[in-house]
N, C-alpha and C. Protein backbone atom coordinates (compact mmCIF):
# COMPACT_ATOMS: atom_id res chain seq x y z
N MET A 1 81.45 105.44 98.11
CA MET A 1 81.46 104.11 98.66
C MET A 1 80.36 104.02 99.72
N GLU A 2 79.66 102.91 99.74
CA GLU A 2 78.61 102.75 100.74
C GLU A 2 79.22 102.56 102.12
N ARG A 3 78.42 102.84 103.11
CA ARG A 3 78.91 102.84 104.48
C ARG A 3 79.36 101.45 104.96
N GLY A 4 78.58 100.43 104.73
CA GLY A 4 78.90 99.08 105.20
C GLY A 4 80.18 98.52 104.61
N PRO A 5 80.31 98.49 103.27
CA PRO A 5 81.55 97.98 102.67
C PRO A 5 82.78 98.81 103.03
N ALA A 6 82.61 100.12 103.16
CA ALA A 6 83.75 100.97 103.52
C ALA A 6 84.22 100.65 104.94
N LEU A 7 83.29 100.44 105.83
CA LEU A 7 83.64 100.10 107.21
C LEU A 7 84.33 98.74 107.27
N PHE A 8 83.77 97.76 106.58
CA PHE A 8 84.36 96.42 106.57
C PHE A 8 85.77 96.44 105.98
N ALA A 9 85.93 97.08 104.82
CA ALA A 9 87.24 97.13 104.18
C ALA A 9 88.25 97.90 105.04
N GLY A 10 87.81 98.97 105.68
CA GLY A 10 88.71 99.73 106.54
C GLY A 10 89.19 98.91 107.73
N ILE A 11 88.28 98.15 108.32
CA ILE A 11 88.66 97.30 109.46
C ILE A 11 89.63 96.22 109.02
N VAL A 12 89.36 95.59 107.88
CA VAL A 12 90.23 94.51 107.39
C VAL A 12 91.62 95.06 107.08
N PHE A 13 91.70 96.16 106.36
CA PHE A 13 93.00 96.75 106.03
C PHE A 13 93.75 97.18 107.30
N ALA A 14 93.05 97.79 108.24
CA ALA A 14 93.71 98.26 109.46
C ALA A 14 94.22 97.09 110.30
N LEU A 15 93.42 96.04 110.44
CA LEU A 15 93.86 94.88 111.22
C LEU A 15 95.03 94.18 110.55
N PHE A 16 94.95 94.00 109.24
CA PHE A 16 96.04 93.34 108.52
C PHE A 16 97.32 94.17 108.59
N GLY A 17 97.22 95.46 108.31
CA GLY A 17 98.40 96.32 108.33
C GLY A 17 99.03 96.42 109.71
N GLY A 18 98.18 96.59 110.73
CA GLY A 18 98.70 96.67 112.10
C GLY A 18 99.33 95.37 112.55
N GLY A 19 98.67 94.26 112.25
CA GLY A 19 99.21 92.95 112.63
C GLY A 19 100.52 92.65 111.93
N LEU A 20 100.60 92.94 110.65
CA LEU A 20 101.83 92.70 109.90
C LEU A 20 102.96 93.59 110.39
N LEU A 21 102.64 94.83 110.72
CA LEU A 21 103.67 95.75 111.22
C LEU A 21 104.21 95.29 112.57
N VAL A 22 103.32 94.88 113.46
CA VAL A 22 103.76 94.40 114.78
C VAL A 22 104.57 93.12 114.63
N TRP A 23 104.09 92.18 113.82
CA TRP A 23 104.78 90.91 113.63
C TRP A 23 106.18 91.13 113.04
N THR A 24 106.28 92.02 112.04
CA THR A 24 107.58 92.30 111.43
C THR A 24 108.52 92.94 112.43
N ALA A 25 108.02 93.87 113.23
CA ALA A 25 108.87 94.53 114.23
C ALA A 25 109.38 93.54 115.27
N VAL A 26 108.53 92.63 115.69
CA VAL A 26 108.95 91.63 116.68
C VAL A 26 110.01 90.71 116.09
N ARG A 27 109.79 90.27 114.85
CA ARG A 27 110.77 89.38 114.21
C ARG A 27 112.12 90.08 114.03
N VAL A 28 112.10 91.34 113.66
CA VAL A 28 113.35 92.08 113.45
C VAL A 28 114.06 92.30 114.78
N ARG A 29 113.31 92.64 115.83
CA ARG A 29 113.93 92.85 117.15
C ARG A 29 114.56 91.59 117.70
N GLN A 30 113.95 90.44 117.41
CA GLN A 30 114.50 89.17 117.87
C GLN A 30 115.54 88.59 116.93
N ARG A 31 115.86 89.33 115.89
CA ARG A 31 116.83 88.91 114.87
C ARG A 31 116.46 87.57 114.25
N GLN A 32 115.20 87.37 114.00
CA GLN A 32 114.71 86.18 113.32
C GLN A 32 114.29 86.57 111.90
N PRO A 33 114.32 85.61 110.98
CA PRO A 33 113.96 85.97 109.60
C PRO A 33 112.48 86.31 109.46
N VAL A 34 112.21 87.27 108.63
CA VAL A 34 110.83 87.64 108.33
C VAL A 34 110.27 86.69 107.29
N ALA A 35 111.09 86.30 106.32
CA ALA A 35 110.73 85.31 105.31
C ALA A 35 111.93 84.39 105.11
N HIS A 36 111.71 83.10 105.06
CA HIS A 36 112.80 82.14 104.91
C HIS A 36 113.30 82.13 103.48
N GLY A 37 114.62 82.08 103.33
CA GLY A 37 115.23 81.99 102.02
C GLY A 37 115.34 83.30 101.27
N VAL A 38 115.10 84.42 101.94
CA VAL A 38 115.15 85.73 101.30
C VAL A 38 116.10 86.61 102.11
N ASN A 39 116.69 87.59 101.46
CA ASN A 39 117.55 88.54 102.14
C ASN A 39 116.78 89.15 103.31
N PRO A 40 117.33 89.09 104.54
CA PRO A 40 116.59 89.60 105.71
C PRO A 40 116.21 91.08 105.62
N VAL A 41 117.09 91.90 105.07
CA VAL A 41 116.80 93.33 104.96
C VAL A 41 115.68 93.56 103.94
N ALA A 42 115.74 92.86 102.83
CA ALA A 42 114.73 93.03 101.78
C ALA A 42 113.36 92.56 102.26
N SER A 43 113.32 91.42 102.96
CA SER A 43 112.03 90.91 103.41
C SER A 43 111.42 91.79 104.49
N ALA A 44 112.23 92.31 105.39
CA ALA A 44 111.72 93.21 106.43
C ALA A 44 111.24 94.52 105.82
N THR A 45 111.98 95.03 104.84
CA THR A 45 111.58 96.27 104.17
C THR A 45 110.28 96.09 103.41
N LEU A 46 110.17 95.00 102.66
CA LEU A 46 108.95 94.76 101.89
C LEU A 46 107.74 94.57 102.81
N ALA A 47 107.92 93.82 103.89
CA ALA A 47 106.81 93.62 104.83
C ALA A 47 106.41 94.94 105.49
N GLY A 48 107.38 95.78 105.81
CA GLY A 48 107.08 97.08 106.39
C GLY A 48 106.33 97.98 105.42
N VAL A 49 106.74 97.98 104.17
CA VAL A 49 106.08 98.81 103.16
C VAL A 49 104.65 98.34 102.93
N VAL A 50 104.46 97.02 102.84
CA VAL A 50 103.11 96.48 102.63
C VAL A 50 102.20 96.80 103.81
N SER A 51 102.73 96.73 105.02
CA SER A 51 101.90 97.03 106.19
C SER A 51 101.51 98.51 106.24
N VAL A 52 102.42 99.39 105.88
CA VAL A 52 102.10 100.82 105.86
C VAL A 52 101.08 101.12 104.77
N ILE A 53 101.21 100.48 103.61
CA ILE A 53 100.23 100.67 102.54
C ILE A 53 98.85 100.20 102.99
N ALA A 54 98.79 99.06 103.67
CA ALA A 54 97.50 98.55 104.16
C ALA A 54 96.89 99.51 105.19
N LEU A 55 97.71 100.08 106.05
CA LEU A 55 97.20 101.05 107.02
C LEU A 55 96.70 102.31 106.33
N ILE A 56 97.39 102.75 105.30
CA ILE A 56 96.93 103.92 104.54
C ILE A 56 95.62 103.62 103.84
N LEU A 57 95.49 102.45 103.25
CA LEU A 57 94.23 102.07 102.60
C LEU A 57 93.09 101.98 103.61
N GLY A 58 93.37 101.46 104.79
CA GLY A 58 92.36 101.41 105.83
C GLY A 58 91.90 102.80 106.25
N THR A 59 92.85 103.69 106.39
CA THR A 59 92.51 105.08 106.74
C THR A 59 91.69 105.73 105.64
N TRP A 60 92.06 105.46 104.38
CA TRP A 60 91.31 106.02 103.26
C TRP A 60 89.87 105.51 103.27
N CYS A 61 89.70 104.21 103.56
CA CYS A 61 88.33 103.65 103.61
C CYS A 61 87.53 104.30 104.73
N PHE A 62 88.15 104.56 105.87
CA PHE A 62 87.45 105.19 106.98
C PHE A 62 87.05 106.63 106.65
N THR A 63 87.82 107.31 105.80
CA THR A 63 87.45 108.68 105.44
C THR A 63 86.27 108.70 104.49
N ARG A 64 85.90 107.58 103.90
CA ARG A 64 84.78 107.49 102.96
C ARG A 64 83.46 107.23 103.67
N LEU A 65 83.45 107.13 104.99
CA LEU A 65 82.20 106.86 105.71
C LEU A 65 81.29 108.05 105.71
């Protein structure tokens, strides 16, 4: 992977994953729904899994520099 695209993709994945993880944690701590009309446990779990996957992808992109 070229240096520029790898850096850009790593930053985007890291920001998205970190932001989603923080937002999900705040919503769960305040006992507010993560997604409306969905089981609260399922939506929090899915959002947590997606955020961790995005952080892993960001880390993988950074290792390609």
